[in-house]
Amino acid sequence: MHDNNEVAHVCPIYLTRTIRGINPAISSPIWLKEKLRRSGIRSINVPVDVTNYVMLELGQPMHAFDCQTIKGDITIRQAQSGESIALLNDTTIKLDDSALVIADDQGPLALAGIMGGLRSAVTSTTCDILLESAHFSPEKIGHTARQYTLNSDSSYRFERGVDPALPQRALELATQMIIEIAGGNRIGQPQGIAPTNPPAVKKIVLRYTK
């Protein structure tokens, strides 16, 4: 993981965890599929279903990458003008240098806080995953989503503001659920950008008489 100080103000917290040895033949349990269905989300596979469930349960968007597709280190950076990415919605967009991306040594893996890319998508044969749980600036995500006319469950939440205390909690819950459902082993402690300058916590005073 490379910490890019230039984007710290739009991504102050970025945590990842590796889980290896997941059984891709195991399907999500009926209760999980039904929870997603009633929320308008299609069941895909255990890692994706769990990250969607955690998003619904806690309000923290997450993403899962297939470890075998990642080349080199993960970096959070501004896109290079002219780069392109094939997204999970089967569209390919050309990026300019205002877009924030999650990238490896070969280029963008995801449009940060909005949508993952096809190259690193978790499939029916994926055994090793990298979970992402982060906090992004609402202004940054909102601007990028409008610029590329992209609306996702993730961008909907991030552009309205997500609790910066949630990434760690969401990562641990998703890890526990994936291992309980599909097996696998967590590798070490969460990696990524520590919250050296997290968003300020607002205090709200409530009067007992009210």
N, C-alpha and C. Protein backbone atom coordinates (compact mmCIF):
# COMPACT_ATOMS: atom_id res chain seq x y z
N MET A 1 0.84 -1.19 0.00
CA MET A 1 0.00 0.00 0.00
C MET A 1 0.87 1.24 0.00
N HIS A 2 0.69 2.11 -0.96
CA HIS A 2 1.40 3.38 -1.00
C HIS A 2 0.49 4.49 -0.50
N ASP A 3 0.97 5.28 0.44
CA ASP A 3 0.22 6.41 0.99
C ASP A 3 0.60 7.66 0.21
N ASN A 4 -0.36 8.18 -0.56
CA ASN A 4 -0.14 9.36 -1.37
C ASN A 4 -0.63 10.58 -0.59
N ASN A 5 0.30 11.39 -0.09
CA ASN A 5 -0.07 12.54 0.72
C ASN A 5 -0.93 13.55 -0.04
N GLU A 6 -0.83 13.55 -1.35
CA GLU A 6 -1.57 14.51 -2.16
C GLU A 6 -3.08 14.25 -2.12
N VAL A 7 -3.49 13.03 -1.79
CA VAL A 7 -4.92 12.71 -1.78
C VAL A 7 -5.43 12.43 -0.37
N ALA A 8 -4.60 12.69 0.63
CA ALA A 8 -5.00 12.39 2.01
C ALA A 8 -6.23 13.17 2.44
N HIS A 9 -6.44 14.37 1.88
CA HIS A 9 -7.59 15.18 2.28
C HIS A 9 -8.89 14.65 1.70
N VAL A 10 -8.84 13.87 0.64
CA VAL A 10 -10.07 13.30 0.07
C VAL A 10 -10.21 11.82 0.42
N CYS A 11 -9.16 11.22 0.95
CA CYS A 11 -9.21 9.82 1.41
C CYS A 11 -8.35 9.69 2.66
N PRO A 12 -8.85 10.17 3.80
CA PRO A 12 -8.04 10.15 5.02
C PRO A 12 -7.90 8.76 5.65
N ILE A 13 -8.82 7.85 5.31
CA ILE A 13 -8.78 6.50 5.88
C ILE A 13 -8.97 5.48 4.75
N TYR A 14 -8.03 4.54 4.65
CA TYR A 14 -8.15 3.49 3.63
C TYR A 14 -7.57 2.21 4.22
N LEU A 15 -8.43 1.24 4.50
CA LEU A 15 -8.01 -0.01 5.13
C LEU A 15 -8.28 -1.19 4.21
N THR A 16 -7.39 -2.15 4.22
CA THR A 16 -7.59 -3.37 3.45
C THR A 16 -7.28 -4.59 4.31
N ARG A 17 -7.87 -5.71 3.95
CA ARG A 17 -7.54 -6.98 4.58
C ARG A 17 -7.55 -8.07 3.53
N THR A 18 -6.57 -8.96 3.60
CA THR A 18 -6.49 -10.09 2.69
C THR A 18 -7.08 -11.34 3.35
N ILE A 19 -7.94 -12.02 2.61
CA ILE A 19 -8.48 -13.32 3.04
C ILE A 19 -8.14 -14.33 1.96
N ARG A 20 -7.45 -15.39 2.33
CA ARG A 20 -7.04 -16.42 1.36
C ARG A 20 -7.73 -17.74 1.65
N GLY A 21 -7.94 -18.50 0.58
CA GLY A 21 -8.49 -19.85 0.72
C GLY A 21 -9.99 -19.92 0.84
N ILE A 22 -10.71 -18.92 0.33
CA ILE A 22 -12.18 -18.96 0.33
C ILE A 22 -12.64 -20.07 -0.62
N ASN A 23 -13.71 -20.75 -0.26
CA ASN A 23 -14.28 -21.78 -1.13
C ASN A 23 -15.28 -21.11 -2.08
N PRO A 24 -14.94 -20.95 -3.35
CA PRO A 24 -15.84 -20.24 -4.28
C PRO A 24 -17.08 -21.03 -4.65
N ALA A 25 -17.11 -22.32 -4.31
CA ALA A 25 -18.27 -23.15 -4.66
C ALA A 25 -19.42 -22.96 -3.68
N ILE A 26 -19.15 -22.33 -2.55
CA ILE A 26 -20.20 -22.12 -1.55
C ILE A 26 -21.02 -20.88 -1.91
N SER A 27 -22.34 -21.04 -1.86
CA SER A 27 -23.24 -19.93 -2.15
C SER A 27 -23.61 -19.21 -0.87
N SER A 28 -24.06 -17.99 -1.01
CA SER A 28 -24.55 -17.24 0.14
C SER A 28 -25.78 -17.93 0.72
N PRO A 29 -25.94 -17.92 2.04
CA PRO A 29 -27.12 -18.53 2.65
C PRO A 29 -28.40 -17.81 2.23
N ILE A 30 -29.51 -18.53 2.35
CA ILE A 30 -30.80 -17.99 1.91
C ILE A 30 -31.13 -16.68 2.63
N TRP A 31 -30.85 -16.60 3.93
CA TRP A 31 -31.21 -15.38 4.67
C TRP A 31 -30.48 -14.16 4.12
N LEU A 32 -29.23 -14.37 3.67
CA LEU A 32 -28.45 -13.26 3.13
C LEU A 32 -28.97 -12.86 1.75
N LYS A 33 -29.24 -13.85 0.92
CA LYS A 33 -29.79 -13.56 -0.40
C LYS A 33 -31.13 -12.83 -0.29
N GLU A 34 -31.95 -13.28 0.68
CA GLU A 34 -33.27 -12.67 0.84
C GLU A 34 -33.16 -11.24 1.36
N LYS A 35 -32.23 -11.00 2.27
CA LYS A 35 -32.00 -9.65 2.79
C LYS A 35 -31.63 -8.71 1.63
N LEU A 36 -30.74 -9.17 0.76
CA LEU A 36 -30.32 -8.36 -0.38
C LEU A 36 -31.47 -8.16 -1.36
N ARG A 37 -32.20 -9.23 -1.64
CA ARG A 37 -33.31 -9.14 -2.60
C ARG A 37 -34.33 -8.12 -2.14
N ARG A 38 -34.66 -8.13 -0.85
CA ARG A 38 -35.67 -7.20 -0.34
C ARG A 38 -35.16 -5.76 -0.34
N SER A 39 -33.85 -5.61 -0.48
CA SER A 39 -33.26 -4.27 -0.54
C SER A 39 -32.94 -3.86 -1.97
N GLY A 40 -33.35 -4.70 -2.93
CA GLY A 40 -33.15 -4.38 -4.34
C GLY A 40 -31.76 -4.67 -4.87
N ILE A 41 -31.02 -5.58 -4.20
CA ILE A 41 -29.66 -5.91 -4.62
C ILE A 41 -29.59 -7.38 -5.02
N ARG A 42 -29.02 -7.65 -6.18
CA ARG A 42 -28.92 -9.01 -6.69
C ARG A 42 -27.77 -9.76 -6.03
N SER A 43 -28.02 -11.01 -5.64
CA SER A 43 -26.96 -11.85 -5.07
C SER A 43 -25.98 -12.25 -6.17
N ILE A 44 -24.67 -12.16 -5.87
CA ILE A 44 -23.64 -12.49 -6.86
C ILE A 44 -22.75 -13.63 -6.37
N ASN A 45 -22.03 -13.41 -5.28
CA ASN A 45 -21.22 -14.45 -4.67
C ASN A 45 -20.98 -14.03 -3.22
N VAL A 46 -20.37 -14.90 -2.42
CA VAL A 46 -20.26 -14.62 -0.99
C VAL A 46 -19.52 -13.31 -0.69
N PRO A 47 -18.31 -13.07 -1.21
CA PRO A 47 -17.63 -11.82 -0.87
C PRO A 47 -18.42 -10.57 -1.25
N VAL A 48 -18.99 -10.56 -2.43
CA VAL A 48 -19.75 -9.38 -2.88
C VAL A 48 -21.03 -9.24 -2.08
N ASP A 49 -21.71 -10.36 -1.83
CA ASP A 49 -22.95 -10.30 -1.05
C ASP A 49 -22.69 -9.79 0.36
N VAL A 50 -21.60 -10.23 0.97
CA VAL A 50 -21.29 -9.80 2.34
C VAL A 50 -20.97 -8.31 2.36
N THR A 51 -20.19 -7.82 1.41
CA THR A 51 -19.88 -6.39 1.42
C THR A 51 -21.14 -5.56 1.21
N ASN A 52 -22.06 -6.05 0.39
CA ASN A 52 -23.33 -5.33 0.21
C ASN A 52 -24.17 -5.38 1.48
N TYR A 53 -24.17 -6.52 2.16
CA TYR A 53 -24.91 -6.64 3.41
C TYR A 53 -24.37 -5.68 4.46
N VAL A 54 -23.05 -5.62 4.59
CA VAL A 54 -22.43 -4.71 5.56
C VAL A 54 -22.77 -3.26 5.24
N MET A 55 -22.79 -2.93 3.95
CA MET A 55 -23.18 -1.57 3.54
C MET A 55 -24.60 -1.26 4.00
N LEU A 56 -25.51 -2.22 3.83
CA LEU A 56 -26.90 -2.01 4.24
C LEU A 56 -27.02 -1.94 5.76
N GLU A 57 -26.27 -2.78 6.45
CA GLU A 57 -26.40 -2.91 7.90
C GLU A 57 -25.76 -1.74 8.64
N LEU A 58 -24.57 -1.31 8.18
CA LEU A 58 -23.83 -0.27 8.88
C LEU A 58 -23.83 1.08 8.17
N GLY A 59 -24.06 1.07 6.86
CA GLY A 59 -23.98 2.31 6.09
C GLY A 59 -22.60 2.57 5.52
N GLN A 60 -21.70 1.59 5.64
CA GLN A 60 -20.32 1.75 5.15
C GLN A 60 -20.13 0.98 3.85
N PRO A 61 -19.98 1.67 2.71
CA PRO A 61 -19.69 0.97 1.47
C PRO A 61 -18.34 0.26 1.54
N MET A 62 -18.26 -0.89 0.90
CA MET A 62 -17.01 -1.66 0.85
C MET A 62 -16.82 -2.18 -0.57
N HIS A 63 -15.64 -2.76 -0.80
CA HIS A 63 -15.37 -3.37 -2.10
C HIS A 63 -14.43 -4.55 -1.91
N ALA A 64 -14.58 -5.56 -2.76
CA ALA A 64 -13.71 -6.73 -2.73
C ALA A 64 -13.00 -6.87 -4.07
N PHE A 65 -11.67 -7.06 -4.02
CA PHE A 65 -10.86 -7.29 -5.21
C PHE A 65 -10.39 -8.73 -5.23
N ASP A 66 -10.23 -9.28 -6.41
CA ASP A 66 -9.60 -10.60 -6.58
C ASP A 66 -8.08 -10.41 -6.49
N CYS A 67 -7.47 -11.01 -5.47
CA CYS A 67 -6.03 -10.81 -5.26
C CYS A 67 -5.18 -11.21 -6.46
N GLN A 68 -5.63 -12.23 -7.18
CA GLN A 68 -4.82 -12.73 -8.29
C GLN A 68 -4.72 -11.74 -9.44
N THR A 69 -5.57 -10.74 -9.46
CA THR A 69 -5.55 -9.77 -10.55
C THR A 69 -4.74 -8.52 -10.21
N ILE A 70 -4.34 -8.39 -8.94
CA ILE A 70 -3.61 -7.19 -8.51
C ILE A 70 -2.12 -7.37 -8.79
N LYS A 71 -1.56 -6.41 -9.48
CA LYS A 71 -0.15 -6.47 -9.85
C LYS A 71 0.63 -5.38 -9.11
N GLY A 72 1.45 -5.77 -8.14
CA GLY A 72 2.23 -4.80 -7.39
C GLY A 72 1.44 -4.21 -6.25
N ASP A 73 1.79 -2.99 -5.87
CA ASP A 73 1.18 -2.33 -4.73
C ASP A 73 -0.11 -1.60 -5.09
N ILE A 74 -1.00 -1.51 -4.10
CA ILE A 74 -2.22 -0.71 -4.24
C ILE A 74 -1.89 0.75 -3.92
N THR A 75 -2.38 1.65 -4.75
CA THR A 75 -2.16 3.08 -4.55
C THR A 75 -3.47 3.83 -4.71
N ILE A 76 -3.69 4.84 -3.85
CA ILE A 76 -4.81 5.76 -4.04
C ILE A 76 -4.23 7.02 -4.66
N ARG A 77 -4.68 7.37 -5.85
CA ARG A 77 -4.07 8.50 -6.56
C ARG A 77 -5.07 9.15 -7.50
N GLN A 78 -4.68 10.32 -7.99
CA GLN A 78 -5.44 10.95 -9.05
C GLN A 78 -5.17 10.20 -10.35
N ALA A 79 -6.17 10.06 -11.18
CA ALA A 79 -5.98 9.40 -12.46
C ALA A 79 -5.06 10.24 -13.34
N GLN A 80 -4.41 9.58 -14.27
CA GLN A 80 -3.62 10.28 -15.27
C GLN A 80 -4.51 10.55 -16.47
N SER A 81 -4.46 11.76 -16.97
CA SER A 81 -5.31 12.14 -18.08
C SER A 81 -5.15 11.17 -19.25
N GLY A 82 -6.26 10.62 -19.72
CA GLY A 82 -6.22 9.67 -20.83
C GLY A 82 -6.32 8.23 -20.41
N GLU A 83 -6.14 7.95 -19.11
CA GLU A 83 -6.33 6.58 -18.62
C GLU A 83 -7.80 6.20 -18.78
N SER A 84 -8.06 4.90 -18.89
CA SER A 84 -9.44 4.44 -18.97
C SER A 84 -9.62 3.25 -18.04
N ILE A 85 -10.87 2.98 -17.71
CA ILE A 85 -11.18 1.84 -16.85
C ILE A 85 -12.49 1.22 -17.29
N ALA A 86 -12.51 -0.11 -17.39
CA ALA A 86 -13.74 -0.86 -17.67
C ALA A 86 -14.39 -1.16 -16.33
N LEU A 87 -15.61 -0.65 -16.14
CA LEU A 87 -16.28 -0.75 -14.85
C LEU A 87 -17.19 -1.98 -14.77
N LEU A 88 -17.67 -2.24 -13.55
CA LEU A 88 -18.52 -3.40 -13.31
C LEU A 88 -19.87 -3.30 -14.01
N ASN A 89 -20.28 -2.10 -14.41
CA ASN A 89 -21.55 -1.95 -15.12
C ASN A 89 -21.39 -2.12 -16.63
N ASP A 90 -20.24 -2.69 -17.02
CA ASP A 90 -19.96 -2.99 -18.44
C ASP A 90 -19.77 -1.75 -19.30
N THR A 91 -19.42 -0.64 -18.70
CA THR A 91 -19.06 0.55 -19.46
C THR A 91 -17.58 0.85 -19.26
N THR A 92 -16.99 1.46 -20.26
CA THR A 92 -15.60 1.88 -20.17
C THR A 92 -15.56 3.40 -20.26
N ILE A 93 -14.90 4.03 -19.29
CA ILE A 93 -14.83 5.49 -19.29
C ILE A 93 -13.38 5.95 -19.39
N LYS A 94 -13.21 7.07 -20.06
CA LYS A 94 -11.89 7.69 -20.14
C LYS A 94 -11.80 8.72 -19.03
N LEU A 95 -10.71 8.67 -18.27
CA LEU A 95 -10.55 9.49 -17.09
C LEU A 95 -9.71 10.72 -17.37
N ASP A 96 -9.95 11.77 -16.56
CA ASP A 96 -9.02 12.90 -16.57
C ASP A 96 -8.36 12.97 -15.20
N ASP A 97 -7.48 13.94 -15.01
CA ASP A 97 -6.67 13.94 -13.80
C ASP A 97 -7.40 14.46 -12.56
N SER A 98 -8.73 14.67 -12.66
CA SER A 98 -9.48 15.05 -11.48
C SER A 98 -10.11 13.85 -10.77
N ALA A 99 -10.09 12.69 -11.44
CA ALA A 99 -10.72 11.50 -10.88
C ALA A 99 -9.79 10.82 -9.87
N LEU A 100 -10.36 10.33 -8.78
CA LEU A 100 -9.60 9.59 -7.78
C LEU A 100 -9.78 8.10 -8.06
N VAL A 101 -8.66 7.39 -8.15
CA VAL A 101 -8.72 5.96 -8.46
C VAL A 101 -7.94 5.14 -7.45
N ILE A 102 -8.34 3.88 -7.36
CA ILE A 102 -7.55 2.86 -6.67
C ILE A 102 -6.82 2.12 -7.77
N ALA A 103 -5.50 2.07 -7.68
CA ALA A 103 -4.71 1.54 -8.80
C ALA A 103 -3.63 0.57 -8.32
N ASP A 104 -3.16 -0.25 -9.24
CA ASP A 104 -1.97 -1.06 -9.00
C ASP A 104 -0.92 -0.66 -10.03
N ASP A 105 0.10 -1.47 -10.21
CA ASP A 105 1.19 -1.12 -11.12
C ASP A 105 0.75 -1.09 -12.59
N GLN A 106 -0.39 -1.71 -12.90
CA GLN A 106 -0.86 -1.76 -14.28
C GLN A 106 -1.92 -0.71 -14.61
N GLY A 107 -2.38 0.02 -13.58
CA GLY A 107 -3.37 1.06 -13.85
C GLY A 107 -4.54 0.98 -12.90
N PRO A 108 -5.61 1.72 -13.18
CA PRO A 108 -6.77 1.79 -12.29
C PRO A 108 -7.47 0.45 -12.09
N LEU A 109 -7.83 0.18 -10.82
CA LEU A 109 -8.61 -1.00 -10.47
C LEU A 109 -10.06 -0.63 -10.15
N ALA A 110 -10.25 0.61 -9.69
CA ALA A 110 -11.59 1.06 -9.31
C ALA A 110 -11.65 2.58 -9.34
N LEU A 111 -12.84 3.10 -9.56
CA LEU A 111 -13.10 4.52 -9.43
C LEU A 111 -13.48 4.72 -7.96
N ALA A 112 -12.59 5.34 -7.21
CA ALA A 112 -12.68 5.36 -5.75
C ALA A 112 -14.05 5.81 -5.24
N GLY A 113 -14.61 4.99 -4.35
CA GLY A 113 -15.86 5.33 -3.70
C GLY A 113 -17.08 5.24 -4.57
N ILE A 114 -16.92 4.82 -5.84
CA ILE A 114 -18.05 4.81 -6.76
C ILE A 114 -18.30 3.43 -7.35
N MET A 115 -17.29 2.86 -8.03
CA MET A 115 -17.50 1.57 -8.68
C MET A 115 -16.17 0.87 -8.95
N GLY A 116 -16.19 -0.44 -8.80
CA GLY A 116 -15.01 -1.24 -9.09
C GLY A 116 -14.85 -1.49 -10.57
N GLY A 117 -13.67 -2.00 -10.93
CA GLY A 117 -13.38 -2.31 -12.32
C GLY A 117 -13.51 -3.79 -12.63
N LEU A 118 -13.74 -4.11 -13.88
CA LEU A 118 -13.90 -5.51 -14.29
C LEU A 118 -12.63 -6.32 -14.10
N ARG A 119 -11.47 -5.69 -14.29
CA ARG A 119 -10.21 -6.44 -14.23
C ARG A 119 -9.99 -7.12 -12.89
N SER A 120 -10.43 -6.49 -11.81
CA SER A 120 -10.17 -7.02 -10.47
C SER A 120 -11.43 -7.57 -9.80
N ALA A 121 -12.48 -7.80 -10.60
CA ALA A 121 -13.75 -8.25 -10.04
C ALA A 121 -13.65 -9.64 -9.44
N VAL A 122 -14.35 -9.86 -8.33
CA VAL A 122 -14.45 -11.18 -7.71
C VAL A 122 -15.41 -12.02 -8.55
N THR A 123 -14.96 -13.22 -8.95
CA THR A 123 -15.75 -14.09 -9.83
C THR A 123 -16.09 -15.40 -9.12
N SER A 124 -16.69 -16.30 -9.88
CA SER A 124 -17.11 -17.59 -9.33
C SER A 124 -15.93 -18.52 -9.05
N THR A 125 -14.71 -18.11 -9.43
CA THR A 125 -13.53 -18.95 -9.17
C THR A 125 -12.55 -18.28 -8.21
N THR A 126 -12.89 -17.11 -7.70
CA THR A 126 -11.97 -16.36 -6.83
C THR A 126 -11.82 -17.06 -5.48
N CYS A 127 -10.57 -17.27 -5.08
CA CYS A 127 -10.27 -17.91 -3.80
C CYS A 127 -9.61 -16.95 -2.81
N ASP A 128 -8.93 -15.93 -3.31
CA ASP A 128 -8.22 -14.98 -2.46
C ASP A 128 -8.74 -13.57 -2.75
N ILE A 129 -9.12 -12.86 -1.69
CA ILE A 129 -9.68 -11.52 -1.90
C ILE A 129 -8.97 -10.47 -1.06
N LEU A 130 -9.05 -9.25 -1.53
CA LEU A 130 -8.59 -8.09 -0.78
C LEU A 130 -9.82 -7.23 -0.51
N LEU A 131 -10.17 -7.07 0.78
CA LEU A 131 -11.31 -6.25 1.16
C LEU A 131 -10.87 -4.81 1.34
N GLU A 132 -11.67 -3.89 0.87
CA GLU A 132 -11.42 -2.46 1.02
C GLU A 132 -12.52 -1.83 1.87
N SER A 133 -12.11 -1.02 2.84
CA SER A 133 -13.05 -0.25 3.65
C SER A 133 -12.42 1.10 3.90
N ALA A 134 -13.04 2.16 3.40
CA ALA A 134 -12.37 3.47 3.40
C ALA A 134 -13.35 4.60 3.72
N HIS A 135 -12.77 5.78 3.90
CA HIS A 135 -13.58 6.99 4.06
C HIS A 135 -13.14 7.99 3.00
N PHE A 136 -14.11 8.46 2.20
CA PHE A 136 -13.82 9.41 1.13
C PHE A 136 -14.58 10.71 1.36
N SER A 137 -14.02 11.78 0.84
CA SER A 137 -14.65 13.09 0.93
C SER A 137 -15.97 13.11 0.17
N PRO A 138 -17.07 13.54 0.81
CA PRO A 138 -18.35 13.63 0.10
C PRO A 138 -18.28 14.51 -1.14
N GLU A 139 -17.57 15.63 -1.04
CA GLU A 139 -17.47 16.55 -2.17
C GLU A 139 -16.77 15.89 -3.36
N LYS A 140 -15.70 15.14 -3.07
CA LYS A 140 -14.94 14.49 -4.14
C LYS A 140 -15.78 13.44 -4.85
N ILE A 141 -16.43 12.59 -4.07
CA ILE A 141 -17.23 11.52 -4.66
C ILE A 141 -18.42 12.09 -5.42
N GLY A 142 -19.07 13.09 -4.85
CA GLY A 142 -20.21 13.70 -5.52
C GLY A 142 -19.83 14.33 -6.85
N HIS A 143 -18.70 15.04 -6.86
CA HIS A 143 -18.24 15.68 -8.10
C HIS A 143 -17.93 14.65 -9.17
N THR A 144 -17.21 13.58 -8.79
CA THR A 144 -16.82 12.56 -9.77
C THR A 144 -18.03 11.80 -10.29
N ALA A 145 -18.96 11.46 -9.40
CA ALA A 145 -20.16 10.73 -9.83
C ALA A 145 -20.96 11.53 -10.84
N ARG A 146 -21.08 12.83 -10.61
CA ARG A 146 -21.82 13.68 -11.55
C ARG A 146 -21.05 13.86 -12.86
N GLN A 147 -19.73 13.99 -12.75
CA GLN A 147 -18.92 14.21 -13.94
C GLN A 147 -19.04 13.05 -14.92
N TYR A 148 -19.06 11.82 -14.39
CA TYR A 148 -19.12 10.64 -15.26
C TYR A 148 -20.52 10.03 -15.33
N THR A 149 -21.50 10.73 -14.78
CA THR A 149 -22.90 10.29 -14.78
C THR A 149 -23.00 8.85 -14.26
N LEU A 150 -22.41 8.63 -13.09
CA LEU A 150 -22.42 7.31 -12.47
C LEU A 150 -23.14 7.41 -11.13
N ASN A 151 -24.11 6.53 -10.94
CA ASN A 151 -24.80 6.45 -9.66
C ASN A 151 -24.70 5.02 -9.15
N SER A 152 -24.21 4.86 -7.94
CA SER A 152 -24.10 3.54 -7.34
C SER A 152 -24.53 3.62 -5.89
N ASP A 153 -24.77 2.46 -5.28
CA ASP A 153 -25.11 2.43 -3.86
C ASP A 153 -23.98 3.04 -3.04
N SER A 154 -22.75 2.83 -3.49
CA SER A 154 -21.58 3.35 -2.78
C SER A 154 -21.51 4.88 -2.88
N SER A 155 -21.61 5.41 -4.08
CA SER A 155 -21.51 6.86 -4.25
C SER A 155 -22.68 7.57 -3.57
N TYR A 156 -23.86 6.95 -3.59
CA TYR A 156 -25.04 7.54 -2.94
C TYR A 156 -24.75 7.81 -1.48
N ARG A 157 -24.08 6.89 -0.81
CA ARG A 157 -23.78 7.05 0.61
C ARG A 157 -22.59 7.98 0.84
N PHE A 158 -21.52 7.78 0.10
CA PHE A 158 -20.32 8.59 0.32
C PHE A 158 -20.58 10.08 0.08
N GLU A 159 -21.35 10.41 -0.95
CA GLU A 159 -21.53 11.83 -1.26
C GLU A 159 -22.47 12.51 -0.26
N ARG A 160 -23.15 11.72 0.56
CA ARG A 160 -24.00 12.28 1.61
C ARG A 160 -23.32 12.26 2.97
N GLY A 161 -22.14 11.64 3.04
CA GLY A 161 -21.37 11.63 4.27
C GLY A 161 -21.53 10.32 5.03
N VAL A 162 -20.41 9.64 5.27
CA VAL A 162 -20.38 8.38 6.01
C VAL A 162 -19.55 8.58 7.27
N ASP A 163 -19.96 7.96 8.36
CA ASP A 163 -19.25 8.07 9.64
C ASP A 163 -17.81 7.58 9.48
N PRO A 164 -16.80 8.43 9.74
CA PRO A 164 -15.40 8.01 9.58
C PRO A 164 -14.96 6.96 10.58
N ALA A 165 -15.80 6.67 11.58
CA ALA A 165 -15.46 5.63 12.55
C ALA A 165 -15.85 4.24 12.05
N LEU A 166 -16.54 4.15 10.92
CA LEU A 166 -17.07 2.87 10.46
C LEU A 166 -16.11 1.95 9.70
N PRO A 167 -15.10 2.44 8.97
CA PRO A 167 -14.29 1.54 8.15
C PRO A 167 -13.71 0.33 8.88
N GLN A 168 -13.14 0.54 10.06
CA GLN A 168 -12.55 -0.57 10.81
C GLN A 168 -13.63 -1.57 11.24
N ARG A 169 -14.73 -1.06 11.77
CA ARG A 169 -15.82 -1.92 12.22
C ARG A 169 -16.39 -2.75 11.07
N ALA A 170 -16.59 -2.09 9.92
CA ALA A 170 -17.14 -2.78 8.75
C ALA A 170 -16.18 -3.85 8.25
N LEU A 171 -14.89 -3.54 8.25
CA LEU A 171 -13.90 -4.50 7.77
C LEU A 171 -13.89 -5.77 8.63
N GLU A 172 -13.98 -5.60 9.94
CA GLU A 172 -13.97 -6.75 10.83
C GLU A 172 -15.24 -7.58 10.67
N LEU A 173 -16.39 -6.92 10.54
CA LEU A 173 -17.65 -7.64 10.36
C LEU A 173 -17.65 -8.43 9.06
N ALA A 174 -17.23 -7.80 7.97
CA ALA A 174 -17.20 -8.48 6.68
C ALA A 174 -16.24 -9.66 6.71
N THR A 175 -15.08 -9.48 7.32
CA THR A 175 -14.10 -10.57 7.43
C THR A 175 -14.70 -11.76 8.16
N GLN A 176 -15.31 -11.50 9.30
CA GLN A 176 -15.91 -12.56 10.11
C GLN A 176 -16.99 -13.31 9.32
N MET A 177 -17.87 -12.56 8.64
CA MET A 177 -18.96 -13.18 7.90
C MET A 177 -18.47 -14.03 6.75
N ILE A 178 -17.50 -13.53 5.98
CA ILE A 178 -17.00 -14.27 4.83
C ILE A 178 -16.37 -15.58 5.27
N ILE A 179 -15.57 -15.54 6.33
CA ILE A 179 -14.90 -16.75 6.81
C ILE A 179 -15.92 -17.74 7.37
N GLU A 180 -16.94 -17.26 8.08
CA GLU A 180 -17.96 -18.15 8.62
C GLU A 180 -18.77 -18.83 7.52
N ILE A 181 -19.01 -18.11 6.43
CA ILE A 181 -19.84 -18.65 5.35
C ILE A 181 -19.03 -19.49 4.36
N ALA A 182 -17.87 -18.98 3.94
CA ALA A 182 -17.14 -19.62 2.84
C ALA A 182 -15.74 -20.08 3.20
N GLY A 183 -15.38 -20.03 4.50
CA GLY A 183 -14.05 -20.47 4.89
C GLY A 183 -12.99 -19.44 4.56
N GLY A 184 -11.73 -19.87 4.60
CA GLY A 184 -10.62 -18.98 4.32
C GLY A 184 -9.92 -18.53 5.59
N ASN A 185 -8.81 -17.84 5.41
CA ASN A 185 -8.01 -17.37 6.52
C ASN A 185 -7.66 -15.91 6.34
N ARG A 186 -7.85 -15.11 7.40
CA ARG A 186 -7.43 -13.71 7.35
C ARG A 186 -5.93 -13.66 7.46
N ILE A 187 -5.30 -12.77 6.70
CA ILE A 187 -3.85 -12.65 6.68
C ILE A 187 -3.44 -11.38 7.42
N GLY A 188 -2.92 -11.53 8.63
CA GLY A 188 -2.39 -10.40 9.38
C GLY A 188 -3.44 -9.39 9.77
N GLN A 189 -2.95 -8.21 10.16
CA GLN A 189 -3.80 -7.11 10.57
C GLN A 189 -4.19 -6.26 9.35
N PRO A 190 -5.25 -5.45 9.48
CA PRO A 190 -5.62 -4.57 8.37
C PRO A 190 -4.45 -3.67 7.97
N GLN A 191 -4.29 -3.49 6.67
CA GLN A 191 -3.23 -2.64 6.13
C GLN A 191 -3.85 -1.39 5.53
N GLY A 192 -3.03 -0.36 5.33
CA GLY A 192 -3.54 0.81 4.62
C GLY A 192 -3.12 2.11 5.24
N ILE A 193 -3.90 3.14 4.95
CA ILE A 193 -3.62 4.48 5.44
C ILE A 193 -4.25 4.67 6.80
N ALA A 194 -3.44 4.91 7.80
CA ALA A 194 -3.95 5.17 9.14
C ALA A 194 -4.60 6.55 9.17
N PRO A 195 -5.63 6.71 9.98
CA PRO A 195 -6.32 8.01 10.04
C PRO A 195 -5.51 9.05 10.81
N THR A 196 -4.43 9.55 10.19
CA THR A 196 -3.58 10.54 10.86
C THR A 196 -4.28 11.89 10.99
N ASN A 197 -5.21 12.17 10.09
CA ASN A 197 -5.94 13.44 10.15
C ASN A 197 -7.41 13.17 9.82
N PRO A 198 -8.10 12.42 10.70
CA PRO A 198 -9.49 12.05 10.41
C PRO A 198 -10.40 13.26 10.44
N PRO A 199 -11.55 13.16 9.78
CA PRO A 199 -12.52 14.26 9.81
C PRO A 199 -12.92 14.58 11.25
N ALA A 200 -13.17 15.85 11.50
CA ALA A 200 -13.54 16.28 12.85
C ALA A 200 -14.87 15.67 13.26
N VAL A 201 -14.95 15.31 14.53
CA VAL A 201 -16.19 14.76 15.07
C VAL A 201 -17.04 15.90 15.63
N LYS A 202 -18.26 15.99 15.14
CA LYS A 202 -19.16 17.04 15.60
C LYS A 202 -19.92 16.57 16.85
N LYS A 203 -19.96 17.43 17.85
CA LYS A 203 -20.71 17.12 19.06
C LYS A 203 -22.07 17.81 18.99
N ILE A 204 -23.10 17.04 19.29
CA ILE A 204 -24.46 17.57 19.28
C ILE A 204 -25.00 17.50 20.70
N VAL A 205 -25.38 18.65 21.24
CA VAL A 205 -25.90 18.71 22.60
C VAL A 205 -27.42 18.60 22.57
N LEU A 206 -27.94 17.63 23.32
CA LEU A 206 -29.38 17.43 23.41
C LEU A 206 -29.84 17.75 24.83
N ARG A 207 -30.84 18.59 24.94
CA ARG A 207 -31.37 18.94 26.25
C ARG A 207 -32.37 17.87 26.71
N TYR A 208 -32.20 17.44 27.95
CA TYR A 208 -33.05 16.38 28.49
C TYR A 208 -34.52 16.78 28.44
N THR A 209 -34.80 18.05 28.66
CA THR A 209 -36.18 18.50 28.69
C THR A 209 -36.85 18.41 27.33
N LYS A 210 -36.08 18.33 26.27
CA LYS A 210 -36.64 18.23 24.92
C LYS A 210 -36.88 16.78 24.49
